[in-house]
Amino acid sequence: MRVREWSPRTEEAYLAWIRRFLKFHRDRTPEKLGAADVNQYLSYLANERGLSAKSRNQAASAIAHLFREIVGIEIGGHNSAINRGKTHPHCPTVLTRIEVGQLLGQINGTPHLMGSLLYGSGLRLMECMRLRVKDLGLDGQELTVRDGKGGKNRITLLPDRLIPPLERHLDRVRKRHHVDRDEGGGWCQLPNALHRKSPSAGYDLAWQFVFPATRETSDPTTGRSGRYHLHATTLQRAVKTAARRTGIPKTISCHTLRHSFATHMLRAGTDVRTVQQLMGRKSMRTTMIYLHPDRSNARLTSPLDLLSAD
C-alpha cells in the first residue's frame, strides 16, 4: 500500500478490516480461505453487525487486496464472486449561509480559523490540518492543496476576509518556531525521503504546519524534535460543540462545511466545472449532487401553495 502511495487513513482502514476478517476465521490461514468465506464474513457484517453497504464494500475491497497481494488469488475483479452491497446516492447535509454564520460564531481561536477555511476554500478536514506555511499564497489569494485525496494537488481560492487573521496567525507560528529553534527543536516532518535530499529543509519556516501541535514530539523517521500538525479531533470536537450550541436541527460535521461551500458557490453562479476543480473532485457527476433546488429563489413554488384558498 505504501509503494502505491495510498493515504495513511486508507492503509489504517484496510489493515483494520483485514485483521477483523482473519480474526473471524481464526482457525484457518488466508491460503485456506476463499470467496465463500469472504461472503460469509460480509453476511455477518450485514445481518449481525448491521453495517451499511458502504462499510461492507470497504471491507470487501480490503479483503480482496489481501488475497490479491498476499495469497496471489484475484477474488475482487470484474467477475467477482464477492457479494457487494448496493449503495444509494447520498444527499449531503448543507447549511444555509445564516446557519454557517451561526456555527462559526460559536467557534473560537484557531478552530474558528480552520473551520472558516473548510467553508471558505472547500477543504477536506485533513487537507486543512496538513497545510504548510508555503501553501498559503496570501498575496495572490490562493491556497495550494498538496497530496489531497488520490494524491492530487490543486489550487483553490483563499477568502479575502481570512487574509488578516491568517497573517496574525502565521506571525504567531513564526515566533513560536524561532523559540523552538533556539531551544534545539523546530523540526517538521517532511514527505517521503525529502529529509535525505534536503537535510535542513525540516527546519525551514516554509515547511512548518500552518496549524502546529501545542507540544513538540519526536519525528519517528529522523528522531528530531519538532511539531506535527494539530490532531483532527481538535476541530471535530469544536464543530460538534458549536452545532449543539446553535441548536440547528441537522447532522453537522466538519465535512458539512465543505458541502456548504460547493452548494453556495453553485448558487452564486459559479459553473460546475470550476467548483469541481476547486474541490479536487475526480468526477463531474459527483459534483452534481450539490445542485440542490434553492427555495430562497422565489421562482420555486409548490403546487399546493397555488391552490385556491376557497
C-alpha atoms as a PDB file:
ATOM      1  CA  MET A   1       0.000   0.000   0.000  1.00  0.00           C
ATOM      2  CA  ARG A   2       2.857   2.371   0.732  1.00  0.00           C
ATOM      3  CA  VAL A   3       4.570   1.527  -2.564  1.00  0.00           C
ATOM      4  CA  ARG A   4       1.342   2.560  -4.275  1.00  0.00           C
ATOM      5  CA  GLU A   5       1.316   5.741  -2.147  1.00  0.00           C
ATOM      6  CA  TRP A   6      -2.089   5.143  -0.654  1.00  0.00           C
ATOM      7  CA  SER A   7      -3.117   7.549   2.075  1.00  0.00           C
ATOM      8  CA  PRO A   8      -2.321   6.657   5.709  1.00  0.00           C
ATOM      9  CA  ARG A   9      -6.033   6.608   6.531  1.00  0.00           C
ATOM     10  CA  THR A  10      -6.749   4.105   3.745  1.00  0.00           C
ATOM     11  CA  GLU A  11      -3.882   1.971   4.968  1.00  0.00           C
ATOM     12  CA  GLU A  12      -5.206   2.099   8.514  1.00  0.00           C
ATOM     13  CA  ALA A  13      -8.755   1.215   7.432  1.00  0.00           C
ATOM     14  CA  TYR A  14      -7.678  -1.670   5.177  1.00  0.00           C
ATOM     15  CA  LEU A  15      -5.410  -3.217   7.798  1.00  0.00           C
ATOM     16  CA  ALA A  16      -8.198  -2.994  10.380  1.00  0.00           C
ATOM     17  CA  TRP A  17     -10.634  -4.842   8.091  1.00  0.00           C
ATOM     18  CA  ILE A  18      -8.030  -7.498   7.259  1.00  0.00           C
ATOM     19  CA  ARG A  19      -7.375  -8.102  10.959  1.00  0.00           C
ATOM     20  CA  ARG A  20     -11.104  -8.428  11.682  1.00  0.00           C
ATOM     21  CA  PHE A  21     -11.569 -10.840   8.780  1.00  0.00           C
ATOM     22  CA  LEU A  22      -8.685 -13.085   9.894  1.00  0.00           C
ATOM     23  CA  LYS A  23      -9.944 -12.995  13.466  1.00  0.00           C
ATOM     24  CA  PHE A  24     -13.399 -14.064  12.236  1.00  0.00           C
ATOM     25  CA  HIS A  25     -11.780 -17.105  10.552  1.00  0.00           C
ATOM     26  CA  ARG A  26      -9.170 -17.584  13.235  1.00  0.00           C
ATOM     27  CA  ASP A  27      -8.975 -21.356  12.706  1.00  0.00           C
ATOM     28  CA  ARG A  28      -7.625 -21.045   9.118  1.00  0.00           C
ATOM     29  CA  THR A  29      -4.840 -19.185   7.353  1.00  0.00           C
ATOM     30  CA  PRO A  30      -5.593 -16.920   4.344  1.00  0.00           C
ATOM     31  CA  GLU A  31      -4.291 -19.595   1.955  1.00  0.00           C
ATOM     32  CA  LYS A  32      -7.116 -21.899   3.053  1.00  0.00           C
ATOM     33  CA  LEU A  33      -9.853 -19.270   2.625  1.00  0.00           C
ATOM     34  CA  GLY A  34     -11.803 -18.299  -0.466  1.00  0.00           C
ATOM     35  CA  ALA A  35     -14.676 -16.229  -1.841  1.00  0.00           C
ATOM     36  CA  ALA A  36     -17.277 -18.251   0.075  1.00  0.00           C
ATOM     37  CA  ASP A  37     -15.538 -17.391   3.348  1.00  0.00           C
ATOM     38  CA  VAL A  38     -15.413 -13.731   2.380  1.00  0.00           C
ATOM     39  CA  ASN A  39     -19.152 -13.762   1.645  1.00  0.00           C
ATOM     40  CA  GLN A  40     -19.796 -15.434   4.981  1.00  0.00           C
ATOM     41  CA  TYR A  41     -17.977 -12.582   6.728  1.00  0.00           C
ATOM     42  CA  LEU A  42     -19.784  -9.920   4.688  1.00  0.00           C
ATOM     43  CA  SER A  43     -23.099 -11.560   5.534  1.00  0.00           C
ATOM     44  CA  TYR A  44     -22.130 -11.429   9.213  1.00  0.00           C
ATOM     45  CA  LEU A  45     -21.400  -7.718   8.891  1.00  0.00           C
ATOM     46  CA  ALA A  46     -24.793  -7.108   7.277  1.00  0.00           C
ATOM     47  CA  ASN A  47     -27.066  -9.327   9.357  1.00  0.00           C
ATOM     48  CA  GLU A  48     -25.453  -9.361  12.786  1.00  0.00           C
ATOM     49  CA  ARG A  49     -23.495  -6.132  12.867  1.00  0.00           C
ATOM     50  CA  GLY A  50     -25.954  -4.087  10.789  1.00  0.00           C
ATOM     51  CA  LEU A  51     -23.224  -2.274   8.832  1.00  0.00           C
ATOM     52  CA  SER A  52     -24.088  -0.127   5.826  1.00  0.00           C
ATOM     53  CA  ALA A  53     -23.372  -1.208   2.260  1.00  0.00           C
ATOM     54  CA  LYS A  54     -20.597   1.388   2.055  1.00  0.00           C
ATOM     55  CA  SER A  55     -18.782  -0.059   5.070  1.00  0.00           C
ATOM     56  CA  ARG A  56     -19.229  -3.631   3.816  1.00  0.00           C
ATOM     57  CA  ASN A  57     -17.862  -2.691   0.404  1.00  0.00           C
ATOM     58  CA  GLN A  58     -14.802  -1.135   2.018  1.00  0.00           C
ATOM     59  CA  ALA A  59     -14.286  -4.365   3.938  1.00  0.00           C
ATOM     60  CA  ALA A  60     -14.651  -6.361   0.707  1.00  0.00           C
ATOM     61  CA  SER A  61     -12.058  -4.200  -1.062  1.00  0.00           C
ATOM     62  CA  ALA A  62      -9.599  -4.589   1.809  1.00  0.00           C
ATOM     63  CA  ILE A  63     -10.015  -8.370   1.897  1.00  0.00           C
ATOM     64  CA  ALA A  64      -9.714  -8.600  -1.901  1.00  0.00           C
ATOM     65  CA  HIS A  65      -6.445  -6.666  -1.597  1.00  0.00           C
ATOM     66  CA  LEU A  66      -5.207  -9.250   0.912  1.00  0.00           C
ATOM     67  CA  PHE A  67      -5.969 -12.123  -1.450  1.00  0.00           C
ATOM     68  CA  ARG A  68      -4.553 -10.335  -4.490  1.00  0.00           C
ATOM     69  CA  GLU A  69      -1.257  -9.173  -2.995  1.00  0.00           C
ATOM     70  CA  ILE A  70      -0.509 -11.817  -0.352  1.00  0.00           C
ATOM     71  CA  VAL A  71      -2.279 -15.017  -1.369  1.00  0.00           C
ATOM     72  CA  GLY A  72      -1.987 -14.393  -5.107  1.00  0.00           C
ATOM     73  CA  ILE A  73      -5.670 -15.002  -5.890  1.00  0.00           C
ATOM     74  CA  GLU A  74      -7.947 -12.477  -7.598  1.00  0.00           C
ATOM     75  CA  ILE A  75     -11.395 -12.600  -5.991  1.00  0.00           C
ATOM     76  CA  GLY A  76     -12.453  -8.981  -6.337  1.00  0.00           C
ATOM     77  CA  GLY A  77     -12.144  -8.366 -10.066  1.00  0.00           C
ATOM     78  CA  HIS A  78     -14.755  -7.605 -12.719  1.00  0.00           C
ATOM     79  CA  ASN A  79     -16.357 -11.051 -12.481  1.00  0.00           C
ATOM     80  CA  SER A  80     -16.055 -11.104  -8.730  1.00  0.00           C
ATOM     81  CA  ALA A  81     -17.659 -13.820  -6.636  1.00  0.00           C
ATOM     82  CA  ILE A  82     -17.857 -11.426  -3.685  1.00  0.00           C
ATOM     83  CA  ASN A  83     -21.350 -10.229  -2.804  1.00  0.00           C
ATOM     84  CA  ARG A  84     -21.001  -6.476  -2.534  1.00  0.00           C
ATOM     85  CA  GLY A  85     -23.721  -4.278  -1.105  1.00  0.00           C
ATOM     86  CA  LYS A  86     -25.792  -1.943  -3.252  1.00  0.00           C
ATOM     87  CA  THR A  87     -25.070   1.675  -2.414  1.00  0.00           C
ATOM     88  CA  HIS A  88     -27.514   4.506  -2.964  1.00  0.00           C
ATOM     89  CA  PRO A  89     -26.901   8.150  -3.916  1.00  0.00           C
ATOM     90  CA  HIS A  90     -26.119  10.264  -0.879  1.00  0.00           C
ATOM     91  CA  CYS A  91     -27.726  13.648  -0.376  1.00  0.00           C
ATOM     92  CA  PRO A  92     -25.212  15.669   1.671  1.00  0.00           C
ATOM     93  CA  THR A  93     -26.265  17.897   4.540  1.00  0.00           C
ATOM     94  CA  VAL A  94     -25.920  21.561   3.583  1.00  0.00           C
ATOM     95  CA  LEU A  95     -26.234  24.601   5.839  1.00  0.00           C
ATOM     96  CA  THR A  96     -27.722  27.906   4.790  1.00  0.00           C
ATOM     97  CA  ARG A  97     -25.460  30.956   4.869  1.00  0.00           C
ATOM     98  CA  ILE A  98     -27.152  32.095   8.066  1.00  0.00           C
ATOM     99  CA  GLU A  99     -26.568  28.707   9.671  1.00  0.00           C
ATOM    100  CA  VAL A 100     -22.895  28.728   8.641  1.00  0.00           C
ATOM    101  CA  GLY A 101     -22.525  32.124  10.293  1.00  0.00           C
ATOM    102  CA  GLN A 102     -24.207  30.839  13.447  1.00  0.00           C
ATOM    103  CA  LEU A 103     -21.988  27.753  13.537  1.00  0.00           C
ATOM    104  CA  LEU A 104     -18.709  29.613  13.014  1.00  0.00           C
ATOM    105  CA  GLY A 105     -19.825  32.215  15.534  1.00  0.00           C
ATOM    106  CA  GLN A 106     -19.778  29.530  18.227  1.00  0.00           C
ATOM    107  CA  ILE A 107     -16.170  28.527  17.488  1.00  0.00           C
ATOM    108  CA  ASN A 108     -13.241  30.484  18.884  1.00  0.00           C
ATOM    109  CA  GLY A 109      -9.491  30.670  18.405  1.00  0.00           C
ATOM    110  CA  THR A 110      -7.583  28.506  15.956  1.00  0.00           C
ATOM    111  CA  PRO A 111     -10.525  26.094  15.359  1.00  0.00           C
ATOM    112  CA  HIS A 112     -12.542  29.081  14.106  1.00  0.00           C
ATOM    113  CA  LEU A 113      -9.834  29.855  11.551  1.00  0.00           C
ATOM    114  CA  MET A 114      -9.690  26.215  10.456  1.00  0.00           C
ATOM    115  CA  GLY A 115     -13.475  25.944  10.173  1.00  0.00           C
ATOM    116  CA  SER A 116     -13.541  29.145   8.122  1.00  0.00           C
ATOM    117  CA  LEU A 117     -11.026  27.573   5.709  1.00  0.00           C
ATOM    118  CA  LEU A 118     -13.165  24.453   5.319  1.00  0.00           C
ATOM    119  CA  TYR A 119     -16.117  26.602   4.291  1.00  0.00           C
ATOM    120  CA  GLY A 120     -14.268  29.417   2.534  1.00  0.00           C
ATOM    121  CA  SER A 121     -11.907  27.238   0.482  1.00  0.00           C
ATOM    122  CA  GLY A 122     -13.794  23.932   0.279  1.00  0.00           C
ATOM    123  CA  LEU A 123     -11.093  21.941   2.067  1.00  0.00           C
ATOM    124  CA  ARG A 124     -11.371  18.444   3.436  1.00  0.00           C
ATOM    125  CA  LEU A 125     -10.578  18.058   7.129  1.00  0.00           C
ATOM    126  CA  MET A 126      -7.104  16.524   6.692  1.00  0.00           C
ATOM    127  CA  GLU A 127      -6.253  18.887   3.833  1.00  0.00           C
ATOM    128  CA  CYS A 128      -6.693  21.737   6.288  1.00  0.00           C
ATOM    129  CA  MET A 129      -4.699  20.003   9.020  1.00  0.00           C
ATOM    130  CA  ARG A 130      -1.769  19.270   6.696  1.00  0.00           C
ATOM    131  CA  LEU A 131      -1.427  22.781   5.290  1.00  0.00           C
ATOM    132  CA  ARG A 132       2.118  24.127   5.412  1.00  0.00           C
ATOM    133  CA  VAL A 133       3.195  27.749   5.508  1.00  0.00           C
ATOM    134  CA  LYS A 134       4.431  27.636   1.911  1.00  0.00           C
ATOM    135  CA  ASP A 135       0.956  26.550   0.738  1.00  0.00           C
ATOM    136  CA  LEU A 136      -0.641  29.869   1.638  1.00  0.00           C
ATOM    137  CA  GLY A 137      -0.409  32.454  -1.128  1.00  0.00           C
ATOM    138  CA  LEU A 138      -1.707  35.450   0.783  1.00  0.00           C
ATOM    139  CA  ASP A 139      -0.646  37.965  -1.887  1.00  0.00           C
ATOM    140  CA  GLY A 140      -2.276  36.053  -4.722  1.00  0.00           C
ATOM    141  CA  GLN A 141      -5.235  34.964  -2.574  1.00  0.00           C
ATOM    142  CA  GLU A 142      -4.581  31.344  -3.473  1.00  0.00           C
ATOM    143  CA  LEU A 143      -4.249  28.226  -1.404  1.00  0.00           C
ATOM    144  CA  THR A 144      -2.379  25.160  -2.646  1.00  0.00           C
ATOM    145  CA  VAL A 145      -3.593  21.752  -1.538  1.00  0.00           C
ATOM    146  CA  ARG A 146      -0.814  19.185  -1.844  1.00  0.00           C
ATOM    147  CA  ASP A 147      -1.244  15.428  -1.772  1.00  0.00           C
ATOM    148  CA  GLY A 148      -5.020  15.623  -1.396  1.00  0.00           C
ATOM    149  CA  LYS A 149      -7.391  12.713  -1.879  1.00  0.00           C
ATOM    150  CA  GLY A 150      -5.943  10.412  -4.514  1.00  0.00           C
ATOM    151  CA  GLY A 151      -2.524  12.049  -4.122  1.00  0.00           C
ATOM    152  CA  LYS A 152      -3.588  15.004  -6.274  1.00  0.00           C
ATOM    153  CA  ASN A 153      -2.561  18.641  -5.962  1.00  0.00           C
ATOM    154  CA  ARG A 154      -4.810  21.585  -6.698  1.00  0.00           C
ATOM    155  CA  ILE A 155      -5.164  25.325  -6.198  1.00  0.00           C
ATOM    156  CA  THR A 156      -8.265  26.753  -4.598  1.00  0.00           C
ATOM    157  CA  LEU A 157      -9.341  30.234  -3.578  1.00  0.00           C
ATOM    158  CA  LEU A 158      -8.433  31.981  -0.330  1.00  0.00           C
ATOM    159  CA  PRO A 159     -11.186  34.263   1.040  1.00  0.00           C
ATOM    160  CA  ASP A 160     -10.312  37.947   1.379  1.00  0.00           C
ATOM    161  CA  ARG A 161     -11.650  38.158   4.919  1.00  0.00           C
ATOM    162  CA  LEU A 162      -9.306  35.379   6.100  1.00  0.00           C
ATOM    163  CA  ILE A 163      -6.106  37.090   4.989  1.00  0.00           C
ATOM    164  CA  PRO A 164      -5.735  39.424   8.030  1.00  0.00           C
ATOM    165  CA  PRO A 165      -6.396  36.678  10.631  1.00  0.00           C
ATOM    166  CA  LEU A 166      -4.099  34.308   8.740  1.00  0.00           C
ATOM    167  CA  GLU A 167      -1.339  36.927   8.751  1.00  0.00           C
ATOM    168  CA  ARG A 168      -1.689  37.317  12.526  1.00  0.00           C
ATOM    169  CA  HIS A 169      -1.790  33.542  12.981  1.00  0.00           C
ATOM    170  CA  LEU A 170       1.324  32.992  10.835  1.00  0.00           C
ATOM    171  CA  ASP A 171       3.133  35.663  12.819  1.00  0.00           C
ATOM    172  CA  ARG A 172       2.488  33.640  15.994  1.00  0.00           C
ATOM    173  CA  VAL A 173       3.619  30.454  14.239  1.00  0.00           C
ATOM    174  CA  ARG A 174       6.809  32.225  13.137  1.00  0.00           C
ATOM    175  CA  LYS A 175       7.608  33.442  16.667  1.00  0.00           C
ATOM    176  CA  ARG A 176       6.956  30.022  18.186  1.00  0.00           C
ATOM    177  CA  HIS A 177       9.162  28.401  15.557  1.00  0.00           C
ATOM    178  CA  HIS A 178      12.034  30.748  16.364  1.00  0.00           C
ATOM    179  CA  VAL A 179      11.725  29.877  20.060  1.00  0.00           C
ATOM    180  CA  ASP A 180      11.711  26.163  19.214  1.00  0.00           C
ATOM    181  CA  ARG A 181      14.852  26.590  17.101  1.00  0.00           C
ATOM    182  CA  ASP A 182      16.624  28.429  19.911  1.00  0.00           C
ATOM    183  CA  GLU A 183      15.753  25.553  22.243  1.00  0.00           C
ATOM    184  CA  GLY A 184      17.130  22.889  19.884  1.00  0.00           C
ATOM    185  CA  GLY A 185      13.839  21.872  18.244  1.00  0.00           C
ATOM    186  CA  GLY A 186      11.887  23.326  15.342  1.00  0.00           C
ATOM    187  CA  TRP A 187      11.943  20.293  13.054  1.00  0.00           C
ATOM    188  CA  CYS A 188       8.925  19.455  10.901  1.00  0.00           C
ATOM    189  CA  GLN A 189       8.207  16.025   9.457  1.00  0.00           C
ATOM    190  CA  LEU A 190       8.805  16.022   5.687  1.00  0.00           C
ATOM    191  CA  PRO A 191       7.074  13.980   2.978  1.00  0.00           C
ATOM    192  CA  ASN A 192       8.698  10.861   1.539  1.00  0.00           C
ATOM    193  CA  ALA A 193      12.512  10.947   1.814  1.00  0.00           C
ATOM    194  CA  LEU A 194      12.957  14.691   1.447  1.00  0.00           C
ATOM    195  CA  HIS A 195      14.899  14.759   4.715  1.00  0.00           C
ATOM    196  CA  ARG A 196      17.704  12.884   2.905  1.00  0.00           C
ATOM    197  CA  LYS A 197      17.695  15.098  -0.164  1.00  0.00           C
ATOM    198  CA  SER A 198      17.463  18.327   1.864  1.00  0.00           C
ATOM    199  CA  PRO A 199      18.650  17.570   5.420  1.00  0.00           C
ATOM    200  CA  SER A 200      17.907  21.081   6.711  1.00  0.00           C
ATOM    201  CA  ALA A 201      14.535  21.641   4.979  1.00  0.00           C
ATOM    202  CA  GLY A 202      12.594  20.450   8.014  1.00  0.00           C
ATOM    203  CA  TYR A 203      13.863  23.431   9.971  1.00  0.00           C
ATOM    204  CA  ASP A 204      12.651  25.986   7.415  1.00  0.00           C
ATOM    205  CA  LEU A 205       9.593  28.040   8.277  1.00  0.00           C
ATOM    206  CA  ALA A 206       8.110  27.311   4.849  1.00  0.00           C
ATOM    207  CA  TRP A 207       7.750  23.609   5.711  1.00  0.00           C
ATOM    208  CA  GLN A 208       6.153  24.166   9.118  1.00  0.00           C
ATOM    209  CA  PHE A 209       2.495  23.268   9.503  1.00  0.00           C
ATOM    210  CA  VAL A 210       0.085  26.205   9.482  1.00  0.00           C
ATOM    211  CA  PHE A 211      -1.679  24.684  12.475  1.00  0.00           C
ATOM    212  CA  PRO A 212       1.136  23.141  14.559  1.00  0.00           C
ATOM    213  CA  ALA A 213       0.571  20.993  17.611  1.00  0.00           C
ATOM    214  CA  THR A 214       0.805  22.554  21.054  1.00  0.00           C
ATOM    215  CA  ARG A 215       3.682  20.267  22.060  1.00  0.00           C
ATOM    216  CA  GLU A 216       6.835  19.098  20.344  1.00  0.00           C
ATOM    217  CA  THR A 217       7.264  15.419  19.590  1.00  0.00           C
ATOM    218  CA  SER A 218       9.975  13.245  18.082  1.00  0.00           C
ATOM    219  CA  ASP A 219       9.815  12.546  14.342  1.00  0.00           C
ATOM    220  CA  PRO A 220       9.750   8.715  14.042  1.00  0.00           C
ATOM    221  CA  THR A 221      11.753   8.908  10.793  1.00  0.00           C
ATOM    222  CA  THR A 222      14.614  11.137  11.884  1.00  0.00           C
ATOM    223  CA  GLY A 223      14.302  11.247  15.663  1.00  0.00           C
ATOM    224  CA  ARG A 224      14.418  15.046  15.584  1.00  0.00           C
ATOM    225  CA  SER A 225      12.237  17.154  17.862  1.00  0.00           C
ATOM    226  CA  GLY A 226       9.537  19.318  16.318  1.00  0.00           C
ATOM    227  CA  ARG A 227       5.829  19.989  15.952  1.00  0.00           C
ATOM    228  CA  TYR A 228       3.393  17.874  13.972  1.00  0.00           C
ATOM    229  CA  HIS A 229       0.046  19.355  12.954  1.00  0.00           C
ATOM    230  CA  LEU A 230      -2.910  19.566  15.333  1.00  0.00           C
ATOM    231  CA  HIS A 231      -4.935  16.403  15.713  1.00  0.00           C
ATOM    232  CA  ALA A 232      -8.109  16.265  13.641  1.00  0.00           C
ATOM    233  CA  THR A 233     -10.243  15.802  16.757  1.00  0.00           C
ATOM    234  CA  THR A 234      -9.378  19.371  17.792  1.00  0.00           C
ATOM    235  CA  LEU A 235     -11.582  20.762  15.033  1.00  0.00           C
ATOM    236  CA  GLN A 236     -14.088  17.908  15.062  1.00  0.00           C
ATOM    237  CA  ARG A 237     -14.895  18.480  18.732  1.00  0.00           C
ATOM    238  CA  ALA A 238     -15.142  22.240  18.227  1.00  0.00           C
ATOM    239  CA  VAL A 239     -17.619  21.823  15.352  1.00  0.00           C
ATOM    240  CA  LYS A 240     -19.721  19.279  17.245  1.00  0.00           C
ATOM    241  CA  THR A 241     -19.859  21.521  20.331  1.00  0.00           C
ATOM    242  CA  ALA A 242     -20.771  24.548  18.214  1.00  0.00           C
ATOM    243  CA  ALA A 243     -23.516  22.585  16.442  1.00  0.00           C
ATOM    244  CA  ARG A 244     -25.108  21.690  19.783  1.00  0.00           C
ATOM    245  CA  ARG A 245     -24.965  25.287  20.956  1.00  0.00           C
ATOM    246  CA  THR A 246     -26.646  26.649  17.842  1.00  0.00           C
ATOM    247  CA  GLY A 247     -29.469  24.147  18.051  1.00  0.00           C
ATOM    248  CA  ILE A 248     -29.512  23.711  14.258  1.00  0.00           C
ATOM    249  CA  PRO A 249     -31.608  20.551  13.655  1.00  0.00           C
ATOM    250  CA  LYS A 250     -29.151  18.974  11.223  1.00  0.00           C
ATOM    251  CA  THR A 251     -26.389  16.395  11.477  1.00  0.00           C
ATOM    252  CA  ILE A 252     -23.337  18.636  11.267  1.00  0.00           C
ATOM    253  CA  SER A 253     -19.699  17.635  10.877  1.00  0.00           C
ATOM    254  CA  CYS A 254     -16.562  19.271   9.502  1.00  0.00           C
ATOM    255  CA  HIS A 255     -17.409  17.888   6.061  1.00  0.00           C
ATOM    256  CA  THR A 256     -20.746  19.737   6.175  1.00  0.00           C
ATOM    257  CA  LEU A 257     -18.813  22.988   5.730  1.00  0.00           C
ATOM    258  CA  ARG A 258     -17.205  21.631   2.552  1.00  0.00           C
ATOM    259  CA  HIS A 259     -20.615  20.558   1.236  1.00  0.00           C
ATOM    260  CA  SER A 260     -21.970  24.018   2.004  1.00  0.00           C
ATOM    261  CA  PHE A 261     -19.060  25.649   0.152  1.00  0.00           C
ATOM    262  CA  ALA A 262     -19.924  23.736  -3.038  1.00  0.00           C
ATOM    263  CA  THR A 263     -23.656  24.392  -2.877  1.00  0.00           C
ATOM    264  CA  HIS A 264     -23.270  28.099  -2.132  1.00  0.00           C
ATOM    265  CA  MET A 265     -20.691  28.531  -4.911  1.00  0.00           C
ATOM    266  CA  LEU A 266     -23.049  26.927  -7.436  1.00  0.00           C
ATOM    267  CA  ARG A 267     -26.000  29.031  -6.279  1.00  0.00           C
ATOM    268  CA  ALA A 268     -23.847  32.128  -6.641  1.00  0.00           C
ATOM    269  CA  GLY A 269     -23.437  31.337 -10.340  1.00  0.00           C
ATOM    270  CA  THR A 270     -20.086  29.524 -10.422  1.00  0.00           C
ATOM    271  CA  ASP A 271     -20.068  26.830 -13.103  1.00  0.00           C
ATOM    272  CA  VAL A 272     -19.924  23.175 -12.087  1.00  0.00           C
ATOM    273  CA  ARG A 273     -16.562  22.560 -13.753  1.00  0.00           C
ATOM    274  CA  THR A 274     -14.885  25.310 -11.727  1.00  0.00           C
ATOM    275  CA  VAL A 275     -16.375  24.038  -8.475  1.00  0.00           C
ATOM    276  CA  GLN A 276     -15.175  20.542  -9.347  1.00  0.00           C
ATOM    277  CA  GLN A 277     -11.616  21.814  -9.795  1.00  0.00           C
ATOM    278  CA  LEU A 278     -11.663  23.912  -6.612  1.00  0.00           C
ATOM    279  CA  MET A 279     -12.837  20.920  -4.581  1.00  0.00           C
ATOM    280  CA  GLY A 280     -10.498  18.410  -6.192  1.00  0.00           C
ATOM    281  CA  ARG A 281     -13.356  16.176  -7.292  1.00  0.00           C
ATOM    282  CA  LYS A 282     -12.498  13.412  -9.724  1.00  0.00           C
ATOM    283  CA  SER A 283     -15.849  13.258 -11.487  1.00  0.00           C
ATOM    284  CA  MET A 284     -18.296  15.874 -12.690  1.00  0.00           C
ATOM    285  CA  ARG A 285     -21.102  13.526 -11.702  1.00  0.00           C
ATOM    286  CA  THR A 286     -20.152  13.591  -8.018  1.00  0.00           C
ATOM    287  CA  THR A 287     -20.096  17.385  -8.098  1.00  0.00           C
ATOM    288  CA  MET A 288     -23.656  17.478  -9.448  1.00  0.00           C
ATOM    289  CA  ILE A 289     -25.025  16.262  -6.090  1.00  0.00           C
ATOM    290  CA  TYR A 290     -24.600  19.817  -4.821  1.00  0.00           C
ATOM    291  CA  LEU A 291     -27.132  21.217  -7.294  1.00  0.00           C
ATOM    292  CA  HIS A 292     -29.961  21.355  -4.761  1.00  0.00           C
ATOM    293  CA  PRO A 293     -33.151  23.309  -5.507  1.00  0.00           C
ATOM    294  CA  ASP A 294     -32.859  26.763  -3.975  1.00  0.00           C
ATOM    295  CA  ARG A 295     -36.027  27.627  -2.073  1.00  0.00           C
ATOM    296  CA  SER A 296     -34.657  31.096  -1.356  1.00  0.00           C
ATOM    297  CA  ASN A 297     -35.256  31.711  -5.043  1.00  0.00           C
ATOM    298  CA  ALA A 298     -38.892  32.800  -5.239  1.00  0.00           C
ATOM    299  CA  ARG A 299     -39.327  31.020  -8.582  1.00  0.00           C
ATOM    300  CA  LEU A 300     -39.707  27.662  -6.788  1.00  0.00           C
ATOM    301  CA  THR A 301     -43.284  27.261  -5.599  1.00  0.00           C
ATOM    302  CA  SER A 302     -45.059  24.097  -4.552  1.00  0.00           C
ATOM    303  CA  PRO A 303     -48.300  23.363  -6.436  1.00  0.00           C
ATOM    304  CA  LEU A 304     -50.020  23.022  -3.067  1.00  0.00           C
ATOM    305  CA  ASP A 305     -49.290  26.696  -2.402  1.00  0.00           C
ATOM    306  CA  LEU A 306     -51.004  27.596  -5.701  1.00  0.00           C
ATOM    307  CA  LEU A 307     -54.332  26.042  -4.762  1.00  0.00           C
ATOM    308  CA  SER A 308     -57.188  28.474  -4.371  1.00  0.00           C
ATOM    309  CA  ALA A 309     -57.964  29.282  -0.761  1.00  0.00           C
ATOM    310  CA  ASP A 310     -61.641  28.535  -1.387  1.00  0.00           C
END
